[in-house]
Each structure stands twice: as C-alpha cells, then as structure tokens.
Amino acid sequence: MRYSGVRRRPAAVARGLYVRQLKSGRDIALLAETLEGSLDRKVFEVAAQMQNFVYLVGNRNTGECVVIDGAWDVEGIARVAEAVSTTLLSR
C-alpha cells in the first residue's frame, strides 16, 4: 500500500468528539486556602499532590460532555466545563 502523504483525522475527531484531561492541583482542586473547613482544606491539599486525572469527553457539535473519573473538586470540574462552553450531562 502506498502512502499518499495525506493525513486523515480519526473518525471520532471528524465527528466533533474531544477529550480534555484535567489534573488535580493543576486544573482543579486549586483553592484550598479559600475553603472554610479544615477537613476540606486537607482534602484539596492531598488532591494537589495526587497524580489523578479527570476527563471531559465531549461533542463539539452538540456542546455537551460527560465526566470520566470525576474526583476531588466537582465545582471546579463544572467551572472548567463552563469555561470551554460545554454543558455537563448527568444521569
């Protein structure tokens, strides 16, 4: 088979699907000092040290996404989704 030099996009990308990776301490679970309860602060401090990733899998055509392996900072995940003009779907 001969290579034509044309790079094809994966079918999922062509359909408008995307994956956004969020990392605790980098993208979410950032504001430990603003939390009132000492337990909540400790949870965010631990989250920042973890190598935990949360994924937004969405469709650019519909503007909707789902969260995979959501942890630590539900409000932060929702803020990221809103910032990228995506609506979180829930079940």
C-alpha atoms as a PDB file:
ATOM      1  CA  MET A   1       0.000   0.000   0.000  1.00  0.00           C
ATOM      2  CA  ARG A   2       1.332   3.365  -0.958  1.00  0.00           C
ATOM      3  CA  TYR A   3       1.326   6.322   1.419  1.00  0.00           C
ATOM      4  CA  SER A   4      -0.382   9.290  -0.200  1.00  0.00           C
ATOM      5  CA  GLY A   5       1.049  11.880   2.178  1.00  0.00           C
ATOM      6  CA  VAL A   6      -2.426  12.964   3.251  1.00  0.00           C
ATOM      7  CA  ARG A   7      -3.029  12.634   6.969  1.00  0.00           C
ATOM      8  CA  ARG A   8      -6.546  11.587   7.832  1.00  0.00           C
ATOM      9  CA  ARG A   9      -8.214  12.672  11.022  1.00  0.00           C
ATOM     10  CA  PRO A  10      -9.546   9.883  13.227  1.00  0.00           C
ATOM     11  CA  ALA A  11     -13.278   9.317  12.716  1.00  0.00           C
ATOM     12  CA  ALA A  12     -14.090  10.442  16.272  1.00  0.00           C
ATOM     13  CA  VAL A  13     -12.343  13.793  15.734  1.00  0.00           C
ATOM     14  CA  ALA A  14     -14.111  14.232  12.414  1.00  0.00           C
ATOM     15  CA  ARG A  15     -17.424  13.782  14.254  1.00  0.00           C
ATOM     16  CA  GLY A  16     -16.576  16.538  16.732  1.00  0.00           C
ATOM     17  CA  LEU A  17     -15.614  14.404  19.725  1.00  0.00           C
ATOM     18  CA  TYR A  18     -12.859  15.540  22.062  1.00  0.00           C
ATOM     19  CA  VAL A  19     -11.173  14.582  25.323  1.00  0.00           C
ATOM     20  CA  ARG A  20      -9.925  17.205  27.766  1.00  0.00           C
ATOM     21  CA  GLN A  21      -7.630  15.980  30.547  1.00  0.00           C
ATOM     22  CA  LEU A  22      -7.794  17.791  33.904  1.00  0.00           C
ATOM     23  CA  LYS A  23      -5.232  17.253  36.639  1.00  0.00           C
ATOM     24  CA  SER A  24      -5.874  17.777  40.336  1.00  0.00           C
ATOM     25  CA  GLY A  25      -3.718  20.636  41.595  1.00  0.00           C
ATOM     26  CA  ARG A  26      -3.176  21.989  38.093  1.00  0.00           C
ATOM     27  CA  ASP A  27      -6.670  22.407  36.613  1.00  0.00           C
ATOM     28  CA  ILE A  28      -8.967  21.595  39.536  1.00  0.00           C
ATOM     29  CA  ALA A  29      -8.697  21.402  43.353  1.00  0.00           C
ATOM     30  CA  LEU A  30      -6.679  24.618  43.405  1.00  0.00           C
ATOM     31  CA  LEU A  31      -8.231  26.842  46.045  1.00  0.00           C
ATOM     32  CA  ALA A  32      -7.576  25.026  49.328  1.00  0.00           C
ATOM     33  CA  GLU A  33      -6.894  28.291  51.170  1.00  0.00           C
ATOM     34  CA  THR A  34     -10.406  29.585  50.400  1.00  0.00           C
ATOM     35  CA  LEU A  35     -12.197  26.606  51.948  1.00  0.00           C
ATOM     36  CA  GLU A  36     -13.741  27.094  55.383  1.00  0.00           C
ATOM     37  CA  GLY A  37     -13.463  23.622  56.945  1.00  0.00           C
ATOM     38  CA  SER A  38     -10.050  22.270  57.850  1.00  0.00           C
ATOM     39  CA  LEU A  39     -11.031  18.832  56.504  1.00  0.00           C
ATOM     40  CA  ASP A  40     -11.989  20.342  53.131  1.00  0.00           C
ATOM     41  CA  ARG A  41      -8.653  22.184  53.000  1.00  0.00           C
ATOM     42  CA  LYS A  42      -6.769  18.969  53.765  1.00  0.00           C
ATOM     43  CA  VAL A  43      -8.647  17.085  51.025  1.00  0.00           C
ATOM     44  CA  PHE A  44      -7.668  19.727  48.433  1.00  0.00           C
ATOM     45  CA  GLU A  45      -4.064  19.729  49.652  1.00  0.00           C
ATOM     46  CA  VAL A  46      -3.932  15.949  49.184  1.00  0.00           C
ATOM     47  CA  ALA A  47      -5.649  16.254  45.796  1.00  0.00           C
ATOM     48  CA  ALA A  48      -2.972  18.677  44.612  1.00  0.00           C
ATOM     49  CA  GLN A  49      -0.300  16.078  45.419  1.00  0.00           C
ATOM     50  CA  MET A  50      -2.070  13.230  43.631  1.00  0.00           C
ATOM     51  CA  GLN A  51      -1.445  12.220  40.048  1.00  0.00           C
ATOM     52  CA  ASN A  52      -5.189  11.926  39.493  1.00  0.00           C
ATOM     53  CA  PHE A  53      -6.689  12.847  36.146  1.00  0.00           C
ATOM     54  CA  VAL A  54     -10.299  13.660  35.349  1.00  0.00           C
ATOM     55  CA  TYR A  55     -11.504  13.621  31.742  1.00  0.00           C
ATOM     56  CA  LEU A  56     -14.160  15.619  29.962  1.00  0.00           C
ATOM     57  CA  VAL A  57     -15.311  13.720  26.876  1.00  0.00           C
ATOM     58  CA  GLY A  58     -17.490  15.878  24.718  1.00  0.00           C
ATOM     59  CA  ASN A  59     -19.056  16.618  21.389  1.00  0.00           C
ATOM     60  CA  ARG A  60     -18.242  19.973  19.809  1.00  0.00           C
ATOM     61  CA  ASN A  61     -21.322  19.743  17.588  1.00  0.00           C
ATOM     62  CA  THR A  62     -23.803  19.453  20.483  1.00  0.00           C
ATOM     63  CA  GLY A  63     -21.790  21.359  23.104  1.00  0.00           C
ATOM     64  CA  GLU A  64     -22.255  18.563  25.644  1.00  0.00           C
ATOM     65  CA  CYS A  65     -19.796  16.480  27.636  1.00  0.00           C
ATOM     66  CA  VAL A  66     -19.552  13.779  30.282  1.00  0.00           C
ATOM     67  CA  VAL A  67     -17.027  13.461  33.102  1.00  0.00           C
ATOM     68  CA  ILE A  68     -14.881  10.343  33.402  1.00  0.00           C
ATOM     69  CA  ASP A  69     -13.299   9.547  36.776  1.00  0.00           C
ATOM     70  CA  GLY A  70     -14.562  12.744  38.396  1.00  0.00           C
ATOM     71  CA  ALA A  71     -12.909  13.315  41.759  1.00  0.00           C
ATOM     72  CA  TRP A  72     -11.886  15.909  44.330  1.00  0.00           C
ATOM     73  CA  ASP A  73     -13.485  19.096  43.027  1.00  0.00           C
ATOM     74  CA  VAL A  74     -16.925  18.785  41.469  1.00  0.00           C
ATOM     75  CA  GLU A  75     -17.427  22.566  41.367  1.00  0.00           C
ATOM     76  CA  GLY A  76     -14.012  23.025  39.741  1.00  0.00           C
ATOM     77  CA  ILE A  77     -14.850  20.465  37.063  1.00  0.00           C
ATOM     78  CA  ALA A  78     -18.119  22.306  36.377  1.00  0.00           C
ATOM     79  CA  ARG A  79     -16.214  25.626  36.123  1.00  0.00           C
ATOM     80  CA  VAL A  80     -13.826  24.162  33.541  1.00  0.00           C
ATOM     81  CA  ALA A  81     -16.755  22.797  31.514  1.00  0.00           C
ATOM     82  CA  GLU A  82     -18.451  26.203  31.616  1.00  0.00           C
ATOM     83  CA  ALA A  83     -15.211  27.973  30.637  1.00  0.00           C
ATOM     84  CA  VAL A  84     -14.984  25.875  27.473  1.00  0.00           C
ATOM     85  CA  SER A  85     -18.693  26.464  26.701  1.00  0.00           C
ATOM     86  CA  THR A  86     -19.732  22.880  27.346  1.00  0.00           C
ATOM     87  CA  THR A  87     -22.829  21.579  29.109  1.00  0.00           C
ATOM     88  CA  LEU A  88     -22.276  18.705  31.536  1.00  0.00           C
ATOM     89  CA  LEU A  89     -24.673  15.817  31.067  1.00  0.00           C
ATOM     90  CA  SER A  90     -25.787  13.933  34.155  1.00  0.00           C
ATOM     91  CA  ARG A  91     -27.528  10.640  34.874  1.00  0.00           C
END
